[in-house]
Amino acid sequence: MEALADTIIPSDPQAPGGKDAGCAVFIDRQLAGPYGRQEGLYQRPPFLSGAKNQGYQSDIGPAETYRAGLAAINSVCRERYGGRAFADLSTDERILFLKVLEAGEVKLQGVDGKSFLEQMVKDVQMGFFADPIYGGNRDMAGWKMIGYPGARYNYLDWVNRHNERFPLPPVGITGNAEWTRW
C-alpha cells in the first residue's frame, strides 16, 4: 500500500509523497474500524449490479476488498514483471501498471480493477488531507502545501484575503500544531 500511495502522490521538493505523509497508515486505520467492516450498512443479499449512484453493492466490506485487490495487483505484477511485486517495480513501471489498470486493460482476480483503483486514489487523497489524528497528513504536509490553517478556532480575518499565506502553522483537531505518532 505504501508503494501505491507513493505512486499516486509522488514526493517533490515542496511536499512528501503518499508514503511519507502517512496515507497507508490512514487507510489501514480506516479499514481496521467500522468503515472497513461495513458496520451500519445493509449486508444481506441480493447484491445486484446497479448504477454508480446506488453506491457500493457487495457482501464483502472495504477491508476485504482491499485485501483481495492488493493481492490481485501483486499477482498480476508477478506474472508481468518476472516475479516482482508492485512494490519492487521501478517508478515508471508502477505508473505504467496503474495507467493500464485505469484503462481497464488488465483484469484483477476477484476485484474490479478500475473501481478498486478509483477507490484507492480517493482513499490516498483523504489520507493526504485528513486531520493528522487519523494517521495521515503527517506533519500536516497536505495542509501546509495548500495553505490550509487547519482546525483553528477563528481565522475569519483571512477568509477573503486571497493569494496571501496564513502566517501561522496549521493546527489539528487536538489543538496541536505538531504531528504526533500514536
N, C-alpha and C. Protein backbone atom coordinates (compact mmCIF):
# COMPACT_ATOMS: atom_id res chain seq x y z
N MET A 1 0.83 -1.19 0.00
CA MET A 1 0.00 0.00 0.00
C MET A 1 0.87 1.25 0.00
N GLU A 2 2.00 1.19 0.69
CA GLU A 2 2.88 2.36 0.70
C GLU A 2 3.42 2.68 -0.69
N ALA A 3 3.76 1.64 -1.46
CA ALA A 3 4.24 1.87 -2.83
C ALA A 3 3.13 2.46 -3.70
N LEU A 4 1.92 2.00 -3.51
CA LEU A 4 0.79 2.57 -4.25
C LEU A 4 0.57 4.02 -3.86
N ALA A 5 0.62 4.31 -2.56
CA ALA A 5 0.43 5.69 -2.09
C ALA A 5 1.50 6.61 -2.66
N ASP A 6 2.75 6.13 -2.73
CA ASP A 6 3.83 6.94 -3.28
C ASP A 6 3.71 7.12 -4.79
N THR A 7 3.09 6.16 -5.46
CA THR A 7 2.90 6.29 -6.89
C THR A 7 1.74 7.23 -7.19
N ILE A 8 0.71 7.18 -6.38
CA ILE A 8 -0.45 8.07 -6.56
C ILE A 8 -0.09 9.51 -6.20
N ILE A 9 0.63 9.69 -5.10
CA ILE A 9 1.11 11.02 -4.70
C ILE A 9 2.63 10.94 -4.55
N PRO A 10 3.36 11.23 -5.62
CA PRO A 10 4.83 11.17 -5.52
C PRO A 10 5.37 12.36 -4.74
N SER A 11 6.53 12.16 -4.15
CA SER A 11 7.16 13.26 -3.42
C SER A 11 7.76 14.25 -4.41
N ASP A 12 7.92 15.47 -3.94
CA ASP A 12 8.60 16.51 -4.72
C ASP A 12 9.30 17.43 -3.72
N PRO A 13 10.05 18.42 -4.19
CA PRO A 13 10.79 19.27 -3.24
C PRO A 13 9.90 20.02 -2.24
N GLN A 14 8.64 20.25 -2.56
CA GLN A 14 7.77 21.01 -1.66
C GLN A 14 6.99 20.14 -0.67
N ALA A 15 6.78 18.87 -0.98
CA ALA A 15 5.93 18.04 -0.11
C ALA A 15 6.35 16.57 -0.20
N PRO A 16 6.11 15.82 0.88
CA PRO A 16 6.42 14.39 0.85
C PRO A 16 5.41 13.64 -0.02
N GLY A 17 5.76 12.44 -0.38
CA GLY A 17 4.85 11.59 -1.13
C GLY A 17 3.84 10.93 -0.21
N GLY A 18 2.98 10.12 -0.80
CA GLY A 18 1.92 9.46 -0.05
C GLY A 18 2.41 8.58 1.09
N LYS A 19 3.52 7.90 0.88
CA LYS A 19 4.07 7.04 1.94
C LYS A 19 4.52 7.87 3.13
N ASP A 20 5.38 8.87 2.86
CA ASP A 20 5.91 9.68 3.96
C ASP A 20 4.86 10.55 4.62
N ALA A 21 3.77 10.83 3.93
CA ALA A 21 2.67 11.61 4.53
C ALA A 21 1.75 10.73 5.37
N GLY A 22 1.98 9.41 5.38
CA GLY A 22 1.20 8.52 6.22
C GLY A 22 -0.11 8.04 5.61
N CYS A 23 -0.25 8.13 4.29
CA CYS A 23 -1.52 7.74 3.66
C CYS A 23 -1.85 6.27 3.87
N ALA A 24 -0.83 5.40 3.85
CA ALA A 24 -1.08 3.97 4.08
C ALA A 24 -1.53 3.73 5.52
N VAL A 25 -0.97 4.47 6.46
CA VAL A 25 -1.39 4.35 7.86
C VAL A 25 -2.85 4.78 7.99
N PHE A 26 -3.20 5.90 7.36
CA PHE A 26 -4.58 6.38 7.37
C PHE A 26 -5.53 5.30 6.84
N ILE A 27 -5.21 4.72 5.70
CA ILE A 27 -6.07 3.70 5.09
C ILE A 27 -6.16 2.48 5.99
N ASP A 28 -5.03 2.05 6.53
CA ASP A 28 -5.03 0.89 7.42
C ASP A 28 -5.93 1.11 8.63
N ARG A 29 -5.87 2.29 9.22
CA ARG A 29 -6.73 2.58 10.37
C ARG A 29 -8.20 2.62 9.99
N GLN A 30 -8.51 3.16 8.81
CA GLN A 30 -9.91 3.20 8.36
C GLN A 30 -10.43 1.78 8.12
N LEU A 31 -9.61 0.94 7.51
CA LEU A 31 -10.03 -0.43 7.21
C LEU A 31 -10.14 -1.29 8.46
N ALA A 32 -9.42 -0.94 9.51
CA ALA A 32 -9.47 -1.70 10.77
C ALA A 32 -10.69 -1.34 11.61
N GLY A 33 -11.38 -0.29 11.24
CA GLY A 33 -12.52 0.18 12.02
C GLY A 33 -13.86 -0.15 11.40
N PRO A 34 -14.89 0.54 11.84
CA PRO A 34 -16.25 0.28 11.37
C PRO A 34 -16.42 0.41 9.86
N TYR A 35 -15.73 1.37 9.23
CA TYR A 35 -15.82 1.52 7.77
C TYR A 35 -15.35 0.25 7.07
N GLY A 36 -14.22 -0.29 7.49
CA GLY A 36 -13.67 -1.49 6.86
C GLY A 36 -14.53 -2.71 7.03
N ARG A 37 -15.27 -2.76 8.14
CA ARG A 37 -16.15 -3.91 8.41
C ARG A 37 -17.56 -3.69 7.89
N GLN A 38 -17.82 -2.57 7.28
CA GLN A 38 -19.14 -2.23 6.73
C GLN A 38 -20.20 -2.13 7.82
N GLU A 39 -19.81 -1.72 9.01
CA GLU A 39 -20.77 -1.62 10.10
C GLU A 39 -21.81 -0.54 9.80
N GLY A 40 -23.03 -0.82 10.14
CA GLY A 40 -24.11 0.14 9.94
C GLY A 40 -24.70 0.11 8.55
N LEU A 41 -24.22 -0.76 7.68
CA LEU A 41 -24.76 -0.85 6.33
C LEU A 41 -25.54 -2.15 6.16
N TYR A 42 -26.51 -2.11 5.30
CA TYR A 42 -27.30 -3.30 5.00
C TYR A 42 -26.41 -4.30 4.27
N GLN A 43 -26.33 -5.54 4.78
CA GLN A 43 -25.39 -6.51 4.23
C GLN A 43 -26.05 -7.82 3.83
N ARG A 44 -27.31 -7.77 3.45
CA ARG A 44 -27.97 -9.02 3.06
C ARG A 44 -28.21 -9.04 1.56
N PRO A 45 -28.13 -10.21 0.97
CA PRO A 45 -28.36 -10.31 -0.48
C PRO A 45 -29.80 -9.99 -0.83
N PRO A 46 -30.13 -9.75 -2.05
CA PRO A 46 -29.26 -9.93 -3.22
C PRO A 46 -28.37 -8.71 -3.43
N PHE A 47 -27.17 -8.98 -3.95
CA PHE A 47 -26.25 -7.91 -4.32
C PHE A 47 -26.24 -7.82 -5.83
N LEU A 48 -26.94 -6.86 -6.34
CA LEU A 48 -27.08 -6.72 -7.78
C LEU A 48 -26.20 -5.58 -8.28
N SER A 49 -25.76 -5.73 -9.51
CA SER A 49 -25.00 -4.63 -10.12
C SER A 49 -25.99 -3.53 -10.44
N GLY A 50 -25.77 -2.39 -9.87
CA GLY A 50 -26.66 -1.25 -10.08
C GLY A 50 -25.91 -0.08 -10.66
N ALA A 51 -26.56 1.03 -10.69
CA ALA A 51 -25.94 2.25 -11.17
C ALA A 51 -24.95 2.76 -10.12
N LYS A 52 -23.95 3.51 -10.57
CA LYS A 52 -22.94 4.02 -9.64
C LYS A 52 -23.56 4.84 -8.51
N ASN A 53 -24.64 5.58 -8.82
CA ASN A 53 -25.25 6.42 -7.79
C ASN A 53 -25.96 5.61 -6.71
N GLN A 54 -26.07 4.30 -6.90
CA GLN A 54 -26.68 3.46 -5.87
C GLN A 54 -25.65 2.99 -4.84
N GLY A 55 -24.42 3.34 -5.06
CA GLY A 55 -23.39 3.03 -4.08
C GLY A 55 -22.87 1.62 -4.15
N TYR A 56 -22.04 1.31 -3.21
CA TYR A 56 -21.34 0.04 -3.12
C TYR A 56 -22.34 -1.08 -2.88
N GLN A 57 -22.28 -2.13 -3.69
CA GLN A 57 -23.18 -3.27 -3.58
C GLN A 57 -22.35 -4.55 -3.48
N SER A 58 -22.07 -5.03 -2.28
CA SER A 58 -21.28 -6.25 -2.13
C SER A 58 -21.46 -6.80 -0.73
N ASP A 59 -21.23 -8.09 -0.63
CA ASP A 59 -21.30 -8.72 0.68
C ASP A 59 -19.97 -8.60 1.44
N ILE A 60 -18.91 -8.22 0.75
CA ILE A 60 -17.64 -8.02 1.44
C ILE A 60 -17.42 -6.53 1.64
N GLY A 61 -16.81 -6.19 2.75
CA GLY A 61 -16.59 -4.79 3.06
C GLY A 61 -15.31 -4.26 2.45
N PRO A 62 -15.03 -3.00 2.68
CA PRO A 62 -13.82 -2.39 2.14
C PRO A 62 -12.53 -3.09 2.55
N ALA A 63 -12.44 -3.58 3.78
CA ALA A 63 -11.21 -4.25 4.21
C ALA A 63 -10.95 -5.50 3.38
N GLU A 64 -11.97 -6.29 3.16
CA GLU A 64 -11.82 -7.50 2.34
C GLU A 64 -11.54 -7.14 0.89
N THR A 65 -12.15 -6.07 0.41
CA THR A 65 -11.90 -5.63 -0.96
C THR A 65 -10.44 -5.22 -1.12
N TYR A 66 -9.92 -4.49 -0.14
CA TYR A 66 -8.50 -4.11 -0.19
C TYR A 66 -7.60 -5.34 -0.16
N ARG A 67 -7.90 -6.28 0.72
CA ARG A 67 -7.06 -7.49 0.79
C ARG A 67 -7.04 -8.20 -0.56
N ALA A 68 -8.21 -8.39 -1.15
CA ALA A 68 -8.29 -9.07 -2.43
C ALA A 68 -7.63 -8.24 -3.54
N GLY A 69 -7.87 -6.94 -3.54
CA GLY A 69 -7.33 -6.08 -4.59
C GLY A 69 -5.81 -5.99 -4.55
N LEU A 70 -5.25 -5.81 -3.37
CA LEU A 70 -3.79 -5.72 -3.25
C LEU A 70 -3.13 -7.05 -3.62
N ALA A 71 -3.72 -8.15 -3.20
CA ALA A 71 -3.18 -9.46 -3.57
C ALA A 71 -3.27 -9.67 -5.09
N ALA A 72 -4.36 -9.26 -5.70
CA ALA A 72 -4.53 -9.41 -7.15
C ALA A 72 -3.53 -8.53 -7.91
N ILE A 73 -3.29 -7.32 -7.42
CA ILE A 73 -2.30 -6.45 -8.07
C ILE A 73 -0.92 -7.10 -8.03
N ASN A 74 -0.54 -7.62 -6.87
CA ASN A 74 0.76 -8.28 -6.77
C ASN A 74 0.83 -9.52 -7.64
N SER A 75 -0.24 -10.26 -7.74
CA SER A 75 -0.28 -11.45 -8.58
C SER A 75 -0.06 -11.10 -10.05
N VAL A 76 -0.76 -10.09 -10.54
CA VAL A 76 -0.61 -9.68 -11.93
C VAL A 76 0.79 -9.13 -12.18
N CYS A 77 1.31 -8.35 -11.23
CA CYS A 77 2.66 -7.81 -11.38
C CYS A 77 3.69 -8.94 -11.44
N ARG A 78 3.52 -9.94 -10.61
CA ARG A 78 4.47 -11.07 -10.63
C ARG A 78 4.43 -11.79 -11.98
N GLU A 79 3.24 -11.91 -12.56
CA GLU A 79 3.11 -12.54 -13.88
C GLU A 79 3.77 -11.70 -14.96
N ARG A 80 3.56 -10.40 -14.92
CA ARG A 80 4.03 -9.50 -15.98
C ARG A 80 5.47 -9.04 -15.84
N TYR A 81 5.98 -9.02 -14.61
CA TYR A 81 7.29 -8.42 -14.37
C TYR A 81 8.27 -9.40 -13.73
N GLY A 82 8.29 -10.62 -14.20
CA GLY A 82 9.30 -11.59 -13.79
C GLY A 82 9.35 -11.90 -12.31
N GLY A 83 8.18 -12.04 -11.69
CA GLY A 83 8.12 -12.43 -10.29
C GLY A 83 8.20 -11.28 -9.30
N ARG A 84 8.27 -10.05 -9.79
CA ARG A 84 8.36 -8.90 -8.88
C ARG A 84 6.97 -8.41 -8.46
N ALA A 85 6.84 -8.08 -7.19
CA ALA A 85 5.60 -7.50 -6.68
C ALA A 85 5.53 -6.03 -7.07
N PHE A 86 4.37 -5.40 -6.89
CA PHE A 86 4.20 -4.00 -7.25
C PHE A 86 5.25 -3.12 -6.57
N ALA A 87 5.52 -3.34 -5.30
CA ALA A 87 6.47 -2.53 -4.55
C ALA A 87 7.89 -2.65 -5.09
N ASP A 88 8.20 -3.73 -5.80
CA ASP A 88 9.54 -3.96 -6.34
C ASP A 88 9.74 -3.35 -7.72
N LEU A 89 8.68 -2.82 -8.31
CA LEU A 89 8.77 -2.24 -9.65
C LEU A 89 9.41 -0.85 -9.58
N SER A 90 9.98 -0.42 -10.71
CA SER A 90 10.50 0.94 -10.79
C SER A 90 9.32 1.91 -10.81
N THR A 91 9.61 3.17 -10.58
CA THR A 91 8.55 4.19 -10.59
C THR A 91 7.83 4.20 -11.93
N ASP A 92 8.58 4.15 -13.03
CA ASP A 92 7.97 4.16 -14.36
C ASP A 92 7.09 2.93 -14.58
N GLU A 93 7.54 1.77 -14.11
CA GLU A 93 6.74 0.55 -14.25
C GLU A 93 5.46 0.64 -13.43
N ARG A 94 5.56 1.20 -12.23
CA ARG A 94 4.36 1.37 -11.39
C ARG A 94 3.34 2.28 -12.07
N ILE A 95 3.81 3.40 -12.59
CA ILE A 95 2.91 4.34 -13.27
C ILE A 95 2.26 3.68 -14.47
N LEU A 96 3.05 2.98 -15.26
CA LEU A 96 2.50 2.29 -16.43
C LEU A 96 1.46 1.26 -16.02
N PHE A 97 1.74 0.50 -14.96
CA PHE A 97 0.78 -0.50 -14.50
C PHE A 97 -0.53 0.15 -14.08
N LEU A 98 -0.46 1.25 -13.33
CA LEU A 98 -1.68 1.92 -12.88
C LEU A 98 -2.45 2.52 -14.06
N LYS A 99 -1.76 3.00 -15.07
CA LYS A 99 -2.43 3.52 -16.26
C LYS A 99 -3.17 2.40 -16.99
N VAL A 100 -2.55 1.24 -17.10
CA VAL A 100 -3.17 0.09 -17.75
C VAL A 100 -4.37 -0.38 -16.92
N LEU A 101 -4.23 -0.38 -15.61
CA LEU A 101 -5.33 -0.75 -14.72
C LEU A 101 -6.48 0.23 -14.86
N GLU A 102 -6.17 1.52 -14.90
CA GLU A 102 -7.19 2.55 -15.03
C GLU A 102 -7.93 2.44 -16.36
N ALA A 103 -7.23 2.06 -17.41
CA ALA A 103 -7.84 1.91 -18.73
C ALA A 103 -8.66 0.63 -18.85
N GLY A 104 -8.59 -0.23 -17.84
CA GLY A 104 -9.34 -1.48 -17.89
C GLY A 104 -8.68 -2.54 -18.75
N GLU A 105 -7.40 -2.36 -19.04
CA GLU A 105 -6.68 -3.29 -19.91
C GLU A 105 -6.09 -4.48 -19.17
N VAL A 106 -6.18 -4.47 -17.86
CA VAL A 106 -5.72 -5.60 -17.06
C VAL A 106 -6.86 -5.98 -16.11
N LYS A 107 -7.06 -7.26 -15.96
CA LYS A 107 -8.12 -7.77 -15.09
C LYS A 107 -7.52 -8.30 -13.80
N LEU A 108 -8.13 -7.92 -12.69
CA LEU A 108 -7.71 -8.42 -11.39
C LEU A 108 -8.68 -9.51 -10.96
N GLN A 109 -8.13 -10.57 -10.41
CA GLN A 109 -8.98 -11.67 -9.97
C GLN A 109 -9.74 -11.29 -8.71
N GLY A 110 -11.07 -11.38 -8.78
CA GLY A 110 -11.93 -11.15 -7.63
C GLY A 110 -12.28 -9.70 -7.35
N VAL A 111 -11.73 -8.76 -8.13
CA VAL A 111 -11.97 -7.34 -7.88
C VAL A 111 -12.05 -6.62 -9.22
N ASP A 112 -12.95 -5.65 -9.31
CA ASP A 112 -13.00 -4.78 -10.48
C ASP A 112 -11.83 -3.81 -10.37
N GLY A 113 -10.82 -4.00 -11.19
CA GLY A 113 -9.59 -3.23 -11.08
C GLY A 113 -9.77 -1.73 -11.21
N LYS A 114 -10.58 -1.31 -12.15
CA LYS A 114 -10.78 0.12 -12.37
C LYS A 114 -11.45 0.76 -11.15
N SER A 115 -12.49 0.13 -10.64
CA SER A 115 -13.19 0.66 -9.46
C SER A 115 -12.29 0.65 -8.24
N PHE A 116 -11.50 -0.42 -8.10
CA PHE A 116 -10.58 -0.52 -6.96
C PHE A 116 -9.54 0.60 -7.02
N LEU A 117 -9.00 0.87 -8.21
CA LEU A 117 -8.03 1.94 -8.36
C LEU A 117 -8.67 3.29 -8.02
N GLU A 118 -9.88 3.53 -8.49
CA GLU A 118 -10.57 4.78 -8.18
C GLU A 118 -10.73 4.95 -6.67
N GLN A 119 -11.09 3.87 -5.97
CA GLN A 119 -11.26 3.94 -4.52
C GLN A 119 -9.93 4.19 -3.83
N MET A 120 -8.87 3.51 -4.30
CA MET A 120 -7.55 3.73 -3.70
C MET A 120 -7.10 5.18 -3.85
N VAL A 121 -7.30 5.75 -5.04
CA VAL A 121 -6.90 7.14 -5.27
C VAL A 121 -7.65 8.05 -4.30
N LYS A 122 -8.95 7.84 -4.15
CA LYS A 122 -9.74 8.66 -3.22
C LYS A 122 -9.24 8.49 -1.79
N ASP A 123 -8.96 7.25 -1.40
CA ASP A 123 -8.52 6.99 -0.02
C ASP A 123 -7.13 7.59 0.25
N VAL A 124 -6.22 7.51 -0.73
CA VAL A 124 -4.90 8.11 -0.56
C VAL A 124 -5.04 9.63 -0.46
N GLN A 125 -5.89 10.21 -1.29
CA GLN A 125 -6.12 11.66 -1.20
C GLN A 125 -6.68 12.04 0.17
N MET A 126 -7.63 11.26 0.66
CA MET A 126 -8.17 11.54 2.00
C MET A 126 -7.08 11.46 3.05
N GLY A 127 -6.21 10.45 2.95
CA GLY A 127 -5.12 10.32 3.90
C GLY A 127 -4.14 11.47 3.83
N PHE A 128 -3.96 12.05 2.66
CA PHE A 128 -3.03 13.16 2.49
C PHE A 128 -3.59 14.46 3.08
N PHE A 129 -4.92 14.60 3.10
CA PHE A 129 -5.51 15.86 3.55
C PHE A 129 -6.34 15.76 4.83
N ALA A 130 -6.48 14.56 5.40
CA ALA A 130 -7.28 14.40 6.63
C ALA A 130 -6.55 15.00 7.82
N ASP A 131 -7.28 15.18 8.90
CA ASP A 131 -6.63 15.62 10.13
C ASP A 131 -5.61 14.56 10.55
N PRO A 132 -4.42 14.97 10.98
CA PRO A 132 -3.39 14.00 11.36
C PRO A 132 -3.80 13.02 12.45
N ILE A 133 -4.81 13.33 13.21
CA ILE A 133 -5.24 12.40 14.26
C ILE A 133 -5.65 11.04 13.69
N TYR A 134 -5.99 11.01 12.40
CA TYR A 134 -6.42 9.77 11.75
C TYR A 134 -5.28 8.99 11.13
N GLY A 135 -4.05 9.45 11.28
CA GLY A 135 -2.90 8.68 10.83
C GLY A 135 -2.23 9.18 9.56
N GLY A 136 -2.89 9.99 8.78
CA GLY A 136 -2.29 10.54 7.56
C GLY A 136 -1.89 11.98 7.75
N ASN A 137 -1.58 12.64 6.64
CA ASN A 137 -1.23 14.06 6.65
C ASN A 137 -0.14 14.34 7.70
N ARG A 138 0.87 13.46 7.72
CA ARG A 138 1.96 13.55 8.69
C ARG A 138 2.63 14.92 8.61
N ASP A 139 2.86 15.49 9.74
CA ASP A 139 3.43 16.83 9.86
C ASP A 139 2.57 17.87 9.14
N MET A 140 1.31 17.52 8.91
CA MET A 140 0.35 18.42 8.26
C MET A 140 0.85 18.88 6.89
N ALA A 141 1.57 17.98 6.22
CA ALA A 141 2.18 18.30 4.93
C ALA A 141 1.14 18.70 3.88
N GLY A 142 0.02 17.99 3.84
CA GLY A 142 -1.02 18.32 2.88
C GLY A 142 -1.60 19.71 3.13
N TRP A 143 -1.83 20.02 4.38
CA TRP A 143 -2.39 21.32 4.74
C TRP A 143 -1.40 22.44 4.46
N LYS A 144 -0.14 22.19 4.80
CA LYS A 144 0.89 23.21 4.53
C LYS A 144 1.00 23.46 3.03
N MET A 145 0.89 22.40 2.23
CA MET A 145 1.03 22.52 0.79
C MET A 145 -0.04 23.44 0.20
N ILE A 146 -1.26 23.34 0.70
CA ILE A 146 -2.35 24.14 0.13
C ILE A 146 -2.65 25.40 0.95
N GLY A 147 -1.93 25.58 2.07
CA GLY A 147 -2.13 26.77 2.88
C GLY A 147 -3.37 26.71 3.76
N TYR A 148 -3.81 25.52 4.10
CA TYR A 148 -4.98 25.36 4.96
C TYR A 148 -4.59 25.55 6.42
N PRO A 149 -5.29 26.41 7.16
CA PRO A 149 -4.90 26.67 8.55
C PRO A 149 -5.28 25.57 9.53
N GLY A 150 -6.06 24.60 9.10
CA GLY A 150 -6.44 23.51 9.99
C GLY A 150 -7.67 23.84 10.81
N ALA A 151 -7.75 23.20 11.96
CA ALA A 151 -8.95 23.33 12.81
C ALA A 151 -8.79 24.47 13.80
N ARG A 152 -8.47 25.62 13.30
CA ARG A 152 -8.32 26.80 14.16
C ARG A 152 -9.69 27.30 14.59
N TYR A 153 -9.72 27.90 15.75
CA TYR A 153 -10.97 28.43 16.29
C TYR A 153 -11.54 29.51 15.37
N ASN A 154 -10.68 30.40 14.92
CA ASN A 154 -11.19 31.52 14.15
C ASN A 154 -10.09 32.09 13.26
N TYR A 155 -10.36 32.14 11.98
CA TYR A 155 -9.45 32.82 11.07
C TYR A 155 -10.27 33.61 10.05
N LEU A 156 -11.40 34.16 10.52
CA LEU A 156 -12.30 34.92 9.65
C LEU A 156 -11.62 36.12 9.00
N ASP A 157 -10.65 36.71 9.67
CA ASP A 157 -9.95 37.86 9.08
C ASP A 157 -9.21 37.48 7.80
N TRP A 158 -8.97 36.19 7.62
CA TRP A 158 -8.18 35.74 6.47
C TRP A 158 -9.01 35.12 5.36
N VAL A 159 -10.29 34.88 5.57
CA VAL A 159 -11.12 34.17 4.60
C VAL A 159 -11.12 34.85 3.24
N ASN A 160 -11.23 36.15 3.20
CA ASN A 160 -11.30 36.88 1.93
C ASN A 160 -9.95 37.44 1.46
N ARG A 161 -8.89 37.05 2.11
CA ARG A 161 -7.56 37.53 1.72
C ARG A 161 -6.93 36.50 0.79
N HIS A 162 -7.30 36.57 -0.46
CA HIS A 162 -6.85 35.59 -1.45
C HIS A 162 -5.39 35.81 -1.82
N ASN A 163 -4.74 34.71 -2.13
CA ASN A 163 -3.34 34.69 -2.56
C ASN A 163 -2.38 35.22 -1.50
N GLU A 164 -2.78 35.16 -0.25
CA GLU A 164 -1.90 35.50 0.87
C GLU A 164 -1.76 34.28 1.75
N ARG A 165 -0.56 33.98 2.15
CA ARG A 165 -0.32 32.85 3.04
C ARG A 165 -0.76 33.19 4.46
N PHE A 166 -1.45 32.25 5.10
CA PHE A 166 -1.81 32.39 6.51
C PHE A 166 -0.51 32.31 7.31
N PRO A 167 -0.27 33.25 8.23
CA PRO A 167 1.04 33.35 8.87
C PRO A 167 1.34 32.31 9.95
N LEU A 168 0.33 31.58 10.41
CA LEU A 168 0.54 30.62 11.49
C LEU A 168 0.52 29.20 10.94
N PRO A 169 1.18 28.27 11.62
CA PRO A 169 1.15 26.87 11.15
C PRO A 169 -0.24 26.26 11.34
N PRO A 170 -0.57 25.23 10.55
CA PRO A 170 -1.87 24.59 10.73
C PRO A 170 -1.97 23.90 12.09
N VAL A 171 -3.19 23.75 12.55
CA VAL A 171 -3.48 23.12 13.84
C VAL A 171 -4.47 21.99 13.61
N GLY A 172 -4.22 20.83 14.19
CA GLY A 172 -5.12 19.70 14.06
C GLY A 172 -6.27 19.76 15.06
N ILE A 173 -7.13 18.78 15.01
CA ILE A 173 -8.28 18.69 15.91
C ILE A 173 -7.86 18.74 17.37
N THR A 174 -6.70 18.15 17.66
CA THR A 174 -6.23 18.10 19.04
C THR A 174 -5.73 19.46 19.53
N GLY A 175 -5.68 20.45 18.62
CA GLY A 175 -5.20 21.76 19.01
C GLY A 175 -3.70 21.87 18.95
N ASN A 176 -3.04 20.84 18.47
CA ASN A 176 -1.59 20.78 18.43
C ASN A 176 -1.10 21.12 17.02
N ALA A 177 -0.10 21.96 16.94
CA ALA A 177 0.46 22.32 15.64
C ALA A 177 1.48 21.27 15.16
N GLU A 178 1.82 20.34 15.98
CA GLU A 178 2.79 19.31 15.62
C GLU A 178 2.07 17.97 15.43
N TRP A 179 2.55 17.18 14.47
CA TRP A 179 2.01 15.84 14.24
C TRP A 179 2.58 14.92 15.30
N THR A 180 1.75 14.08 15.86
CA THR A 180 2.19 13.19 16.92
C THR A 180 1.96 11.73 16.50
N ARG A 181 2.93 10.89 16.69
CA ARG A 181 2.76 9.45 16.43
C ARG A 181 2.00 8.84 17.59
N TRP A 182 1.08 7.99 17.29
CA TRP A 182 0.28 7.36 18.34
C TRP A 182 0.88 6.06 18.75
